[in-house]
C-alpha atoms as a PDB file:
ATOM      1  CA  MET A   1       3.437 -13.468 -87.352  1.00  0.00           C
ATOM      2  CA  GLU A   2       1.295 -11.178 -85.196  1.00  0.00           C
ATOM      3  CA  ARG A   3      -1.474  -9.247 -86.859  1.00  0.00           C
ATOM      4  CA  SER A   4      -0.884  -5.519 -86.655  1.00  0.00           C
ATOM      5  CA  ASP A   5      -3.575  -3.494 -84.940  1.00  0.00           C
ATOM      6  CA  SER A   6      -3.870   0.126 -86.007  1.00  0.00           C
ATOM      7  CA  LYS A   7      -5.789   0.977 -82.816  1.00  0.00           C
ATOM      8  CA  LYS A   8      -2.623   0.381 -80.771  1.00  0.00           C
ATOM      9  CA  ALA A   9      -1.153   3.491 -82.365  1.00  0.00           C
ATOM     10  CA  VAL A  10      -4.000   5.689 -81.123  1.00  0.00           C
ATOM     11  CA  LYS A  11      -2.858   7.748 -78.174  1.00  0.00           C
ATOM     12  CA  LYS A  12      -5.317   7.736 -75.300  1.00  0.00           C
ATOM     13  CA  GLN A  13      -6.274  11.161 -74.055  1.00  0.00           C
ATOM     14  CA  PHE A  14      -7.668  11.819 -70.588  1.00  0.00           C
ATOM     15  CA  LEU A  15     -10.125  14.645 -70.214  1.00  0.00           C
ATOM     16  CA  THR A  16      -9.056  17.666 -68.178  1.00  0.00           C
ATOM     17  CA  SER A  17     -10.340  21.232 -68.166  1.00  0.00           C
ATOM     18  CA  ARG A  18      -7.310  22.187 -70.258  1.00  0.00           C
ATOM     19  CA  VAL A  19      -8.066  19.496 -72.844  1.00  0.00           C
ATOM     20  CA  LEU A  20     -11.717  20.551 -72.979  1.00  0.00           C
ATOM     21  CA  GLY A  21     -10.648  24.127 -73.606  1.00  0.00           C
ATOM     22  CA  SER A  22      -8.548  23.037 -76.575  1.00  0.00           C
ATOM     23  CA  PHE A  23     -11.440  21.333 -78.377  1.00  0.00           C
ATOM     24  CA  ALA A  24     -12.060  22.559 -81.922  1.00  0.00           C
ATOM     25  CA  PRO A  25     -13.852  20.979 -84.892  1.00  0.00           C
ATOM     26  CA  ALA A  26     -11.474  18.509 -86.557  1.00  0.00           C
ATOM     27  CA  ALA A  27     -13.880  17.184 -89.192  1.00  0.00           C
ATOM     28  CA  LYS A  28     -17.367  18.093 -90.382  1.00  0.00           C
ATOM     29  CA  TYR A  29     -19.944  16.094 -92.323  1.00  0.00           C
ATOM     30  CA  SER A  30     -22.992  17.633 -93.978  1.00  0.00           C
ATOM     31  CA  PHE A  31     -26.444  16.082 -94.357  1.00  0.00           C
ATOM     32  CA  LYS A  32     -29.399  16.978 -96.544  1.00  0.00           C
ATOM     33  CA  GLY A  33     -31.653  16.920 -93.486  1.00  0.00           C
ATOM     34  CA  ASN A  34     -31.341  17.666 -89.774  1.00  0.00           C
ATOM     35  CA  VAL A  35     -29.186  15.343 -87.663  1.00  0.00           C
ATOM     36  CA  ASN A  36     -31.642  13.865 -85.150  1.00  0.00           C
ATOM     37  CA  SER A  37     -29.506  11.484 -83.050  1.00  0.00           C
ATOM     38  CA  ILE A  38     -25.930  10.438 -82.310  1.00  0.00           C
ATOM     39  CA  ASP A  39     -24.647   7.494 -80.250  1.00  0.00           C
ATOM     40  CA  TYR A  40     -21.337   5.784 -79.388  1.00  0.00           C
ATOM     41  CA  SER A  41     -20.636   2.055 -79.524  1.00  0.00           C
ATOM     42  CA  ASP A  42     -19.844   0.284 -76.249  1.00  0.00           C
ATOM     43  CA  ASP A  43     -16.090   0.492 -76.825  1.00  0.00           C
ATOM     44  CA  GLY A  44     -16.200   4.120 -77.970  1.00  0.00           C
ATOM     45  CA  ASP A  45     -14.555   3.297 -81.295  1.00  0.00           C
ATOM     46  CA  PHE A  46     -17.586   4.000 -83.486  1.00  0.00           C
ATOM     47  CA  LEU A  47     -20.359   6.543 -83.683  1.00  0.00           C
ATOM     48  CA  VAL A  48     -23.717   6.265 -85.414  1.00  0.00           C
ATOM     49  CA  ALA A  49     -25.737   9.264 -86.561  1.00  0.00           C
ATOM     50  CA  SER A  50     -29.203   9.400 -88.074  1.00  0.00           C
ATOM     51  CA  ALA A  51     -30.738  12.298 -89.985  1.00  0.00           C
ATOM     52  CA  ASP A  52     -33.978  13.488 -91.526  1.00  0.00           C
ATOM     53  CA  ASP A  53     -32.638  12.693 -95.002  1.00  0.00           C
ATOM     54  CA  ASP A  54     -33.284   9.031 -94.032  1.00  0.00           C
ATOM     55  CA  SER A  55     -29.566   8.260 -93.694  1.00  0.00           C
ATOM     56  CA  VAL A  56     -27.786   6.274 -90.979  1.00  0.00           C
ATOM     57  CA  CYS A  57     -24.016   6.821 -90.903  1.00  0.00           C
ATOM     58  CA  LEU A  58     -21.255   4.923 -89.108  1.00  0.00           C
ATOM     59  CA  TYR A  59     -18.043   6.792 -88.232  1.00  0.00           C
ATOM     60  CA  ASP A  60     -14.661   5.628 -86.946  1.00  0.00           C
ATOM     61  CA  CYS A  61     -13.986   7.766 -83.863  1.00  0.00           C
ATOM     62  CA  ASN A  62     -10.230   7.128 -83.981  1.00  0.00           C
ATOM     63  CA  THR A  63      -9.885   8.629 -87.456  1.00  0.00           C
ATOM     64  CA  ALA A  64     -13.059  10.791 -87.668  1.00  0.00           C
ATOM     65  CA  ARG A  65     -13.821   9.116 -90.996  1.00  0.00           C
ATOM     66  CA  LEU A  66     -17.104   7.878 -92.427  1.00  0.00           C
ATOM     67  CA  LYS A  67     -17.110   4.071 -92.604  1.00  0.00           C
ATOM     68  CA  THR A  68     -20.636   3.241 -93.784  1.00  0.00           C
ATOM     69  CA  LYS A  69     -23.655   5.162 -94.972  1.00  0.00           C
ATOM     70  CA  VAL A  70     -27.023   3.516 -95.561  1.00  0.00           C
ATOM     71  CA  PHE A  71     -30.436   4.937 -96.400  1.00  0.00           C
ATOM     72  CA  CYS A  72     -33.731   3.916 -94.812  1.00  0.00           C
ATOM     73  CA  LYS A  73     -35.928   5.323 -97.561  1.00  0.00           C
ATOM     74  CA  ARG A  74     -38.893   3.117 -96.787  1.00  0.00           C
ATOM     75  CA  ASN A  75     -39.047   3.805 -93.047  1.00  0.00           C
ATOM     76  CA  GLY A  76     -36.920   6.880 -92.379  1.00  0.00           C
ATOM     77  CA  ALA A  77     -34.700   7.256 -89.321  1.00  0.00           C
ATOM     78  CA  SER A  78     -35.543   9.347 -86.261  1.00  0.00           C
ATOM     79  CA  VAL A  79     -33.455   7.732 -83.501  1.00  0.00           C
ATOM     80  CA  ALA A  80     -30.510   5.342 -83.871  1.00  0.00           C
ATOM     81  CA  ARG A  81     -28.865   3.508 -80.973  1.00  0.00           C
ATOM     82  CA  PHE A  82     -26.126   0.898 -80.937  1.00  0.00           C
ATOM     83  CA  THR A  83     -26.817  -2.594 -79.723  1.00  0.00           C
ATOM     84  CA  HIS A  84     -23.822  -4.362 -78.167  1.00  0.00           C
ATOM     85  CA  HIS A  85     -22.484  -4.999 -81.656  1.00  0.00           C
ATOM     86  CA  SER A  86     -20.699  -2.105 -83.363  1.00  0.00           C
ATOM     87  CA  LYS A  87     -22.247  -2.894 -86.768  1.00  0.00           C
ATOM     88  CA  ALA A  88     -25.853  -3.363 -85.594  1.00  0.00           C
ATOM     89  CA  VAL A  89     -28.207  -0.608 -84.463  1.00  0.00           C
ATOM     90  CA  LEU A  90     -31.790  -0.053 -83.425  1.00  0.00           C
ATOM     91  CA  CYS A  91     -33.441   2.537 -85.617  1.00  0.00           C
ATOM     92  CA  ALA A  92     -36.856   4.125 -85.061  1.00  0.00           C
ATOM     93  CA  SER A  93     -38.964   4.970 -88.095  1.00  0.00           C
ATOM     94  CA  ARG A  94     -39.526   8.637 -88.801  1.00  0.00           C
ATOM     95  CA  ASP A  95     -43.139   9.748 -88.661  1.00  0.00           C
ATOM     96  CA  ALA A  96     -42.875  12.076 -91.659  1.00  0.00           C
ATOM     97  CA  LYS A  97     -45.780  13.446 -93.656  1.00  0.00           C
ATOM     98  CA  GLY A  98     -46.569  11.093 -96.466  1.00  0.00           C
ATOM     99  CA  SER A  99     -44.602   8.237 -94.911  1.00  0.00           C
ATOM    100  CA  ASN A 100     -45.736   4.630 -95.098  1.00  0.00           C
ATOM    101  CA  SER A 101     -48.129   4.523 -92.141  1.00  0.00           C
ATOM    102  CA  SER A 102     -47.716   0.768 -91.681  1.00  0.00           C
ATOM    103  CA  PHE A 103     -44.063   1.322 -90.736  1.00  0.00           C
ATOM    104  CA  SER A 104     -44.070   4.807 -89.244  1.00  0.00           C
ATOM    105  CA  HIS A 105     -44.116   3.750 -85.586  1.00  0.00           C
ATOM    106  CA  HIS A 106     -41.855   0.694 -85.699  1.00  0.00           C
ATOM    107  CA  VAL A 107     -38.326   0.133 -84.426  1.00  0.00           C
ATOM    108  CA  HIS A 108     -35.993  -1.826 -86.695  1.00  0.00           C
ATOM    109  CA  TYR A 109     -32.947  -3.948 -85.905  1.00  0.00           C
ATOM    110  CA  LEU A 110     -30.571  -2.852 -88.672  1.00  0.00           C
ATOM    111  CA  SER A 111     -27.303  -4.462 -89.763  1.00  0.00           C
ATOM    112  CA  LEU A 112     -24.936  -1.761 -91.038  1.00  0.00           C
ATOM    113  CA  HIS A 113     -22.660  -4.458 -92.426  1.00  0.00           C
ATOM    114  CA  ASP A 114     -25.028  -5.365 -95.255  1.00  0.00           C
ATOM    115  CA  ASN A 115     -27.858  -2.794 -94.864  1.00  0.00           C
ATOM    116  CA  ARG A 116     -30.384  -5.437 -93.880  1.00  0.00           C
ATOM    117  CA  TYR A 117     -33.227  -5.416 -91.377  1.00  0.00           C
ATOM    118  CA  LEU A 118     -32.800  -8.299 -88.944  1.00  0.00           C
ATOM    119  CA  ARG A 119     -36.093  -7.750 -87.123  1.00  0.00           C
ATOM    120  CA  SER A 120     -38.877  -5.188 -86.672  1.00  0.00           C
ATOM    121  CA  PHE A 121     -40.487  -4.342 -83.346  1.00  0.00           C
ATOM    122  CA  LYS A 122     -44.144  -3.372 -83.594  1.00  0.00           C
ATOM    123  CA  GLY A 123     -46.474  -2.018 -80.952  1.00  0.00           C
ATOM    124  CA  HIS A 124     -46.305   1.768 -80.578  1.00  0.00           C
ATOM    125  CA  LYS A 125     -49.196   3.829 -81.908  1.00  0.00           C
ATOM    126  CA  LYS A 126     -47.204   7.035 -82.457  1.00  0.00           C
ATOM    127  CA  GLU A 127     -43.618   7.956 -83.264  1.00  0.00           C
ATOM    128  CA  VAL A 128     -40.861   6.481 -81.100  1.00  0.00           C
ATOM    129  CA  THR A 129     -38.795   9.332 -79.672  1.00  0.00           C
ATOM    130  CA  GLN A 130     -36.317   7.494 -77.422  1.00  0.00           C
ATOM    131  CA  ILE A 131     -34.516   4.146 -77.336  1.00  0.00           C
ATOM    132  CA  ALA A 132     -32.493   2.905 -74.350  1.00  0.00           C
ATOM    133  CA  VAL A 133     -30.425  -0.275 -74.606  1.00  0.00           C
ATOM    134  CA  HIS A 134     -29.722  -2.289 -71.460  1.00  0.00           C
ATOM    135  CA  PRO A 135     -25.997  -1.996 -70.627  1.00  0.00           C
ATOM    136  CA  SER A 136     -25.349  -5.717 -70.153  1.00  0.00           C
ATOM    137  CA  ASN A 137     -27.916  -7.773 -72.085  1.00  0.00           C
ATOM    138  CA  ASP A 138     -30.005  -7.749 -75.263  1.00  0.00           C
ATOM    139  CA  THR A 139     -33.107  -6.097 -73.851  1.00  0.00           C
ATOM    140  CA  PHE A 140     -34.094  -2.489 -74.505  1.00  0.00           C
ATOM    141  CA  MET A 141     -36.939  -0.067 -73.939  1.00  0.00           C
ATOM    142  CA  THR A 142     -38.580   2.546 -76.116  1.00  0.00           C
ATOM    143  CA  GLY A 143     -40.473   5.747 -75.340  1.00  0.00           C
ATOM    144  CA  SER A 144     -43.097   7.107 -77.697  1.00  0.00           C
ATOM    145  CA  GLN A 145     -45.395  10.038 -78.309  1.00  0.00           C
ATOM    146  CA  ASP A 146     -48.229   7.609 -77.563  1.00  0.00           C
ATOM    147  CA  ARG A 147     -47.210   8.133 -73.889  1.00  0.00           C
ATOM    148  CA  THR A 148     -46.037   4.589 -73.320  1.00  0.00           C
ATOM    149  CA  VAL A 149     -42.780   2.799 -72.626  1.00  0.00           C
ATOM    150  CA  ARG A 150     -42.393  -0.688 -74.048  1.00  0.00           C
ATOM    151  CA  MET A 151     -39.834  -3.339 -73.116  1.00  0.00           C
ATOM    152  CA  TRP A 152     -38.289  -5.585 -75.759  1.00  0.00           C
ATOM    153  CA  ASP A 153     -35.763  -8.342 -76.391  1.00  0.00           C
ATOM    154  CA  LEU A 154     -33.673  -8.326 -79.573  1.00  0.00           C
ATOM    155  CA  ARG A 155     -34.625 -11.975 -80.125  1.00  0.00           C
ATOM    156  CA  ASP A 156     -38.398 -11.364 -80.139  1.00  0.00           C
ATOM    157  CA  HIS A 157     -40.447  -8.909 -82.197  1.00  0.00           C
ATOM    158  CA  LYS A 158     -43.207  -8.666 -79.580  1.00  0.00           C
ATOM    159  CA  PRO A 159     -43.027  -6.325 -76.548  1.00  0.00           C
ATOM    160  CA  HIS A 160     -42.461  -7.957 -73.161  1.00  0.00           C
ATOM    161  CA  GLY A 161     -43.820  -5.160 -71.017  1.00  0.00           C
ATOM    162  CA  LEU A 162     -45.660  -1.833 -71.002  1.00  0.00           C
ATOM    163  CA  LEU A 163     -45.578   1.262 -68.794  1.00  0.00           C
ATOM    164  CA  GLU A 164     -47.793   4.317 -69.168  1.00  0.00           C
ATOM    165  CA  ALA A 165     -46.883   7.992 -68.740  1.00  0.00           C
ATOM    166  CA  ASN A 166     -48.673  11.344 -68.908  1.00  0.00           C
ATOM    167  CA  ASP A 167     -46.327  12.762 -71.550  1.00  0.00           C
ATOM    168  CA  ALA A 168     -43.889  11.484 -74.148  1.00  0.00           C
ATOM    169  CA  PRO A 169     -41.492   9.794 -71.699  1.00  0.00           C
ATOM    170  CA  ALA A 170     -37.773  10.253 -71.177  1.00  0.00           C
ATOM    171  CA  ILE A 171     -36.115   6.893 -70.402  1.00  0.00           C
ATOM    172  CA  SER A 172     -32.763   5.577 -69.208  1.00  0.00           C
ATOM    173  CA  TYR A 173     -30.983   2.647 -67.573  1.00  0.00           C
ATOM    174  CA  ASP A 174     -28.412   3.162 -64.860  1.00  0.00           C
ATOM    175  CA  PRO A 175     -24.874   2.004 -65.853  1.00  0.00           C
ATOM    176  CA  GLN A 176     -25.185  -1.235 -63.868  1.00  0.00           C
ATOM    177  CA  GLY A 177     -28.453  -2.158 -65.560  1.00  0.00           C
ATOM    178  CA  LEU A 178     -30.327  -2.558 -62.283  1.00  0.00           C
ATOM    179  CA  ILE A 179     -32.618   0.478 -62.475  1.00  0.00           C
ATOM    180  CA  MET A 180     -34.964   1.856 -65.123  1.00  0.00           C
ATOM    181  CA  ALA A 181     -35.772   5.574 -65.001  1.00  0.00           C
ATOM    182  CA  VAL A 182     -38.970   6.747 -66.700  1.00  0.00           C
ATOM    183  CA  SER A 183     -40.484  10.231 -66.658  1.00  0.00           C
ATOM    184  CA  VAL A 184     -44.199   9.959 -65.927  1.00  0.00           C
ATOM    185  CA  SER A 185     -45.008  13.685 -66.200  1.00  0.00           C
ATOM    186  CA  HIS A 186     -43.218  16.949 -66.948  1.00  0.00           C
ATOM    187  CA  ASN A 187     -41.461  16.959 -63.551  1.00  0.00           C
ATOM    188  CA  GLN A 188     -41.867  13.450 -62.121  1.00  0.00           C
ATOM    189  CA  MET A 189     -39.553  10.502 -62.636  1.00  0.00           C
ATOM    190  CA  SER A 190     -40.215   6.942 -61.509  1.00  0.00           C
ATOM    191  CA  LEU A 191     -37.501   4.407 -60.711  1.00  0.00           C
ATOM    192  CA  TYR A 192     -38.073   0.710 -61.358  1.00  0.00           C
ATOM    193  CA  ASP A 193     -36.148  -2.422 -60.539  1.00  0.00           C
ATOM    194  CA  CYS A 194     -35.369  -3.920 -63.960  1.00  0.00           C
ATOM    195  CA  ARG A 195     -36.167  -7.406 -62.660  1.00  0.00           C
ATOM    196  CA  THR A 196     -39.535  -6.538 -61.102  1.00  0.00           C
ATOM    197  CA  TYR A 197     -40.737  -3.438 -62.983  1.00  0.00           C
ATOM    198  CA  LYS A 198     -44.185  -4.987 -63.496  1.00  0.00           C
ATOM    199  CA  LYS A 199     -44.784  -4.571 -59.758  1.00  0.00           C
ATOM    200  CA  GLY A 200     -44.504  -0.803 -60.129  1.00  0.00           C
ATOM    201  CA  PRO A 201     -41.855   1.784 -59.217  1.00  0.00           C
ATOM    202  CA  PHE A 202     -39.959   1.574 -55.959  1.00  0.00           C
ATOM    203  CA  ALA A 203     -39.604   5.370 -55.931  1.00  0.00           C
ATOM    204  CA  THR A 204     -41.095   8.397 -57.696  1.00  0.00           C
ATOM    205  CA  LEU A 205     -39.126  11.639 -57.545  1.00  0.00           C
ATOM    206  CA  LEU A 206     -40.624  15.115 -57.858  1.00  0.00           C
ATOM    207  CA  LEU A 207     -38.087  17.277 -59.678  1.00  0.00           C
ATOM    208  CA  LYS A 208     -37.818  21.028 -59.295  1.00  0.00           C
ATOM    209  CA  THR A 209     -37.982  22.591 -62.779  1.00  0.00           C
ATOM    210  CA  GLU A 210     -37.500  26.111 -64.103  1.00  0.00           C
ATOM    211  CA  GLY A 211     -41.188  26.544 -64.910  1.00  0.00           C
ATOM    212  CA  PRO A 212     -44.560  24.766 -65.174  1.00  0.00           C
ATOM    213  CA  HIS A 213     -44.136  24.189 -68.920  1.00  0.00           C
ATOM    214  CA  SER A 214     -40.588  22.802 -68.768  1.00  0.00           C
ATOM    215  CA  GLN A 215     -40.840  19.099 -69.618  1.00  0.00           C
ATOM    216  CA  LEU A 216     -38.264  16.456 -68.759  1.00  0.00           C
ATOM    217  CA  LYS A 217     -36.640  15.448 -72.053  1.00  0.00           C
ATOM    218  CA  TYR A 218     -33.451  13.449 -71.350  1.00  0.00           C
ATOM    219  CA  ILE A 219     -32.183  11.415 -68.394  1.00  0.00           C
ATOM    220  CA  LYS A 220     -28.550  10.322 -68.019  1.00  0.00           C
ATOM    221  CA  PHE A 221     -26.999   8.664 -64.972  1.00  0.00           C
ATOM    222  CA  THR A 222     -23.496   9.382 -63.725  1.00  0.00           C
ATOM    223  CA  PRO A 223     -21.091   6.393 -63.928  1.00  0.00           C
ATOM    224  CA  ASP A 224     -21.541   5.621 -60.204  1.00  0.00           C
ATOM    225  CA  SER A 225     -25.388   5.766 -60.489  1.00  0.00           C
ATOM    226  CA  ASN A 226     -25.574   8.119 -57.492  1.00  0.00           C
ATOM    227  CA  TYR A 227     -26.829  11.041 -59.569  1.00  0.00           C
ATOM    228  CA  PHE A 228     -28.651  11.643 -62.814  1.00  0.00           C
ATOM    229  CA  LEU A 229     -28.491  14.484 -65.279  1.00  0.00           C
ATOM    230  CA  ALA A 230     -31.855  15.847 -66.391  1.00  0.00           C
ATOM    231  CA  SER A 231     -32.426  17.937 -69.496  1.00  0.00           C
ATOM    232  CA  PHE A 232     -35.658  19.869 -69.930  1.00  0.00           C
ATOM    233  CA  THR A 233     -37.410  21.456 -72.903  1.00  0.00           C
ATOM    234  CA  SER A 234     -36.451  24.849 -71.458  1.00  0.00           C
ATOM    235  CA  GLY A 235     -33.968  26.039 -68.875  1.00  0.00           C
ATOM    236  CA  PRO A 236     -30.569  24.653 -67.872  1.00  0.00           C
ATOM    237  CA  HIS A 237     -29.511  21.056 -67.346  1.00  0.00           C
ATOM    238  CA  VAL A 238     -29.748  19.933 -63.710  1.00  0.00           C
ATOM    239  CA  LEU A 239     -27.991  17.241 -61.660  1.00  0.00           C
ATOM    240  CA  PHE A 240     -30.211  15.429 -59.148  1.00  0.00           C
ATOM    241  CA  ASP A 241     -29.555  12.982 -56.366  1.00  0.00           C
ATOM    242  CA  ALA A 242     -30.783   9.601 -57.619  1.00  0.00           C
ATOM    243  CA  PHE A 243     -32.056   8.577 -54.173  1.00  0.00           C
ATOM    244  CA  GLU A 244     -33.804  11.705 -52.899  1.00  0.00           C
ATOM    245  CA  GLY A 245     -34.373  13.754 -56.054  1.00  0.00           C
ATOM    246  CA  GLU A 246     -32.637  16.810 -54.582  1.00  0.00           C
ATOM    247  CA  ARG A 247     -30.872  19.306 -56.822  1.00  0.00           C
ATOM    248  CA  LYS A 248     -27.103  19.044 -56.638  1.00  0.00           C
ATOM    249  CA  ALA A 249     -25.902  21.259 -59.490  1.00  0.00           C
ATOM    250  CA  VAL A 250     -27.309  23.474 -62.244  1.00  0.00           C
ATOM    251  CA  TYR A 251     -25.467  23.917 -65.544  1.00  0.00           C
ATOM    252  CA  LYS A 252     -25.981  27.392 -66.966  1.00  0.00           C
ATOM    253  CA  SER A 253     -24.454  29.201 -69.920  1.00  0.00           C
ATOM    254  CA  ASP A 254     -24.333  32.562 -68.152  1.00  0.00           C
ATOM    255  CA  GLY A 255     -23.946  35.618 -70.326  1.00  0.00           C
ATOM    256  CA  LEU A 256     -24.182  33.735 -73.597  1.00  0.00           C
ATOM    257  CA  GLY A 257     -27.630  34.951 -74.622  1.00  0.00           C
ATOM    258  CA  LYS A 258     -30.843  33.156 -75.471  1.00  0.00           C
ATOM    259  CA  GLU A 259     -29.330  31.808 -78.675  1.00  0.00           C
ATOM    260  CA  SER A 260     -26.966  29.700 -76.570  1.00  0.00           C
ATOM    261  CA  VAL A 261     -29.521  27.646 -74.638  1.00  0.00           C
ATOM    262  CA  ALA A 262     -28.072  24.134 -74.201  1.00  0.00           C
ATOM    263  CA  PHE A 263     -29.653  21.002 -75.674  1.00  0.00           C
ATOM    264  CA  GLU A 264     -28.958  17.283 -75.110  1.00  0.00           C
ATOM    265  CA  PRO A 265     -26.101  16.884 -72.617  1.00  0.00           C
ATOM    266  CA  SER A 266     -23.494  14.181 -72.074  1.00  0.00           C
ATOM    267  CA  ILE A 267     -21.468  13.063 -69.062  1.00  0.00           C
ATOM    268  CA  SER A 268     -17.780  12.272 -69.562  1.00  0.00           C
ATOM    269  CA  PRO A 269     -16.806   8.600 -69.009  1.00  0.00           C
ATOM    270  CA  ASP A 270     -14.992   9.480 -65.759  1.00  0.00           C
ATOM    271  CA  GLY A 271     -18.020  11.401 -64.492  1.00  0.00           C
ATOM    272  CA  GLN A 272     -16.056  14.612 -63.905  1.00  0.00           C
ATOM    273  CA  TYR A 273     -17.581  16.774 -66.616  1.00  0.00           C
ATOM    274  CA  VAL A 274     -20.900  17.589 -68.235  1.00  0.00           C
ATOM    275  CA  ILE A 275     -20.668  18.563 -71.906  1.00  0.00           C
ATOM    276  CA  SER A 276     -23.454  19.968 -74.030  1.00  0.00           C
ATOM    277  CA  GLY A 277     -24.009  21.490 -77.417  1.00  0.00           C
ATOM    278  CA  THR A 278     -25.303  25.049 -77.587  1.00  0.00           C
ATOM    279  CA  THR A 279     -26.079  27.426 -80.420  1.00  0.00           C
ATOM    280  CA  LYS A 280     -22.533  28.775 -80.198  1.00  0.00           C
ATOM    281  CA  GLY A 281     -20.511  25.609 -79.665  1.00  0.00           C
ATOM    282  CA  LEU A 282     -19.659  23.106 -76.929  1.00  0.00           C
ATOM    283  CA  ARG A 283     -19.911  24.002 -73.250  1.00  0.00           C
ATOM    284  CA  SER A 284     -18.401  22.048 -70.375  1.00  0.00           C
ATOM    285  CA  TRP A 285     -19.060  22.188 -66.647  1.00  0.00           C
ATOM    286  CA  GLU A 286     -17.664  20.529 -63.554  1.00  0.00           C
ATOM    287  CA  THR A 287     -20.207  17.842 -62.647  1.00  0.00           C
ATOM    288  CA  THR A 288     -20.372  18.268 -58.890  1.00  0.00           C
ATOM    289  CA  THR A 289     -20.331  22.088 -58.696  1.00  0.00           C
ATOM    290  CA  GLY A 290     -21.960  23.153 -61.962  1.00  0.00           C
ATOM    291  CA  SER A 291     -19.089  25.583 -62.622  1.00  0.00           C
ATOM    292  CA  LEU A 292     -18.769  26.569 -66.288  1.00  0.00           C
ATOM    293  CA  LEU A 293     -15.249  25.524 -67.262  1.00  0.00           C
ATOM    294  CA  GLN A 294     -14.736  26.022 -70.958  1.00  0.00           C
ATOM    295  CA  THR A 295     -16.471  27.234 -74.082  1.00  0.00           C
ATOM    296  CA  SER A 296     -15.414  25.890 -77.464  1.00  0.00           C
ATOM    297  CA  SER A 297     -17.016  27.865 -80.239  1.00  0.00           C
ATOM    298  CA  TRP A 298     -17.978  27.222 -83.804  1.00  0.00           C
ATOM    299  CA  ASP A 299     -19.949  29.189 -86.340  1.00  0.00           C
ATOM    300  CA  LYS A 300     -23.196  27.162 -86.313  1.00  0.00           C
ATOM    301  CA  SER A 301     -25.662  25.971 -83.704  1.00  0.00           C
ATOM    302  CA  SER A 302     -24.980  22.691 -81.934  1.00  0.00           C
ATOM    303  CA  SER A 303     -28.051  20.680 -81.002  1.00  0.00           C
ATOM    304  CA  SER A 304     -26.514  17.691 -79.248  1.00  0.00           C
ATOM    305  CA  SER A 305     -23.246  16.312 -77.971  1.00  0.00           C
ATOM    306  CA  ASN A 306     -21.637  13.086 -76.892  1.00  0.00           C
ATOM    307  CA  THR A 307     -18.242  12.196 -75.449  1.00  0.00           C
ATOM    308  CA  SER A 308     -15.845   9.274 -75.400  1.00  0.00           C
ATOM    309  CA  SER A 309     -12.360   8.968 -73.938  1.00  0.00           C
ATOM    310  CA  GLY A 310     -10.885  10.371 -77.123  1.00  0.00           C
ATOM    311  CA  GLY A 311     -13.029  13.366 -78.037  1.00  0.00           C
ATOM    312  CA  ALA A 312     -16.483  14.767 -78.513  1.00  0.00           C
ATOM    313  CA  ILE A 313     -19.096  14.859 -81.214  1.00  0.00           C
ATOM    314  CA  GLY A 314     -21.400  17.819 -81.808  1.00  0.00           C
ATOM    315  CA  ALA A 315     -24.330  17.989 -84.193  1.00  0.00           C
ATOM    316  CA  VAL A 316     -25.771  21.128 -85.755  1.00  0.00           C
ATOM    317  CA  PRO A 317     -29.066  20.940 -87.654  1.00  0.00           C
ATOM    318  CA  THR A 318     -27.457  19.653 -90.863  1.00  0.00           C
ATOM    319  CA  THR A 319     -23.811  19.093 -89.860  1.00  0.00           C
ATOM    320  CA  LEU A 320     -21.971  16.564 -87.713  1.00  0.00           C
ATOM    321  CA  ALA A 321     -18.686  17.819 -86.248  1.00  0.00           C
ATOM    322  CA  CYS A 322     -15.918  15.758 -84.634  1.00  0.00           C
ATOM    323  CA  TRP A 323     -14.007  17.723 -81.993  1.00  0.00           C
END
């Protein structure tokens, strides 16, 4: 007798501008602290969210239901990212006032199956603000307020490499896992070969920003690795050529007011759309032209977004919404 698989009954939905325009919150989950990160599993079936109430939550994206909720009371949780296992995540300690200083700058390998730390990664001197997992192996890198990037392997608690920056760095791998992108200042990004990064960058791109105080905050490559999406501390998201660093598109929320400035963006799996949370809802643009396509509103501010083939997730300060 064949084992039934409930996932077979889930209808796959391809993203179009019409589908994006129909997005509306389907489920909402409240937290006692701000939601500080969201991330999808490799297969898009699960989502992990961390919050300032020290919780790490696992959701089923096919049903929009909470599967597991654990608390990291000893270390807190500031950034959570999936490894290549849907029940294991990397979780950065939260550098909160009064926290245990001996753990406040560590990254922990956390099993959501039994709420157990599998390993701790020690080395940063200040809070870890970003974690990027290699797309095809068990290595990852972390960016910290101590202005360094450290390279790790899930099987070893010691760092394998170190890069220095002038600010808290934004970091990313390209989808093929061949290139590491690291911001070295507010408007400069260096590209490294993952295999030979210790020899230095093979290119450093000077990015045109909206102002001298606008710092590069997030980097996300398009699926074909030809472009990358840059998010800054102020101003719109911008698409750059990954080879020359030239601007290709700017994603603005025209006419929506200052309260609708966009935050962390996401690129759809097919690369056709850019989606971002704003203080009035989700906004979507055509990737190549920067044309604003749809606005999907809700009644609270949205600080981040993420997309899979089946829908989108938006996070307000204390609420997670499934669209």
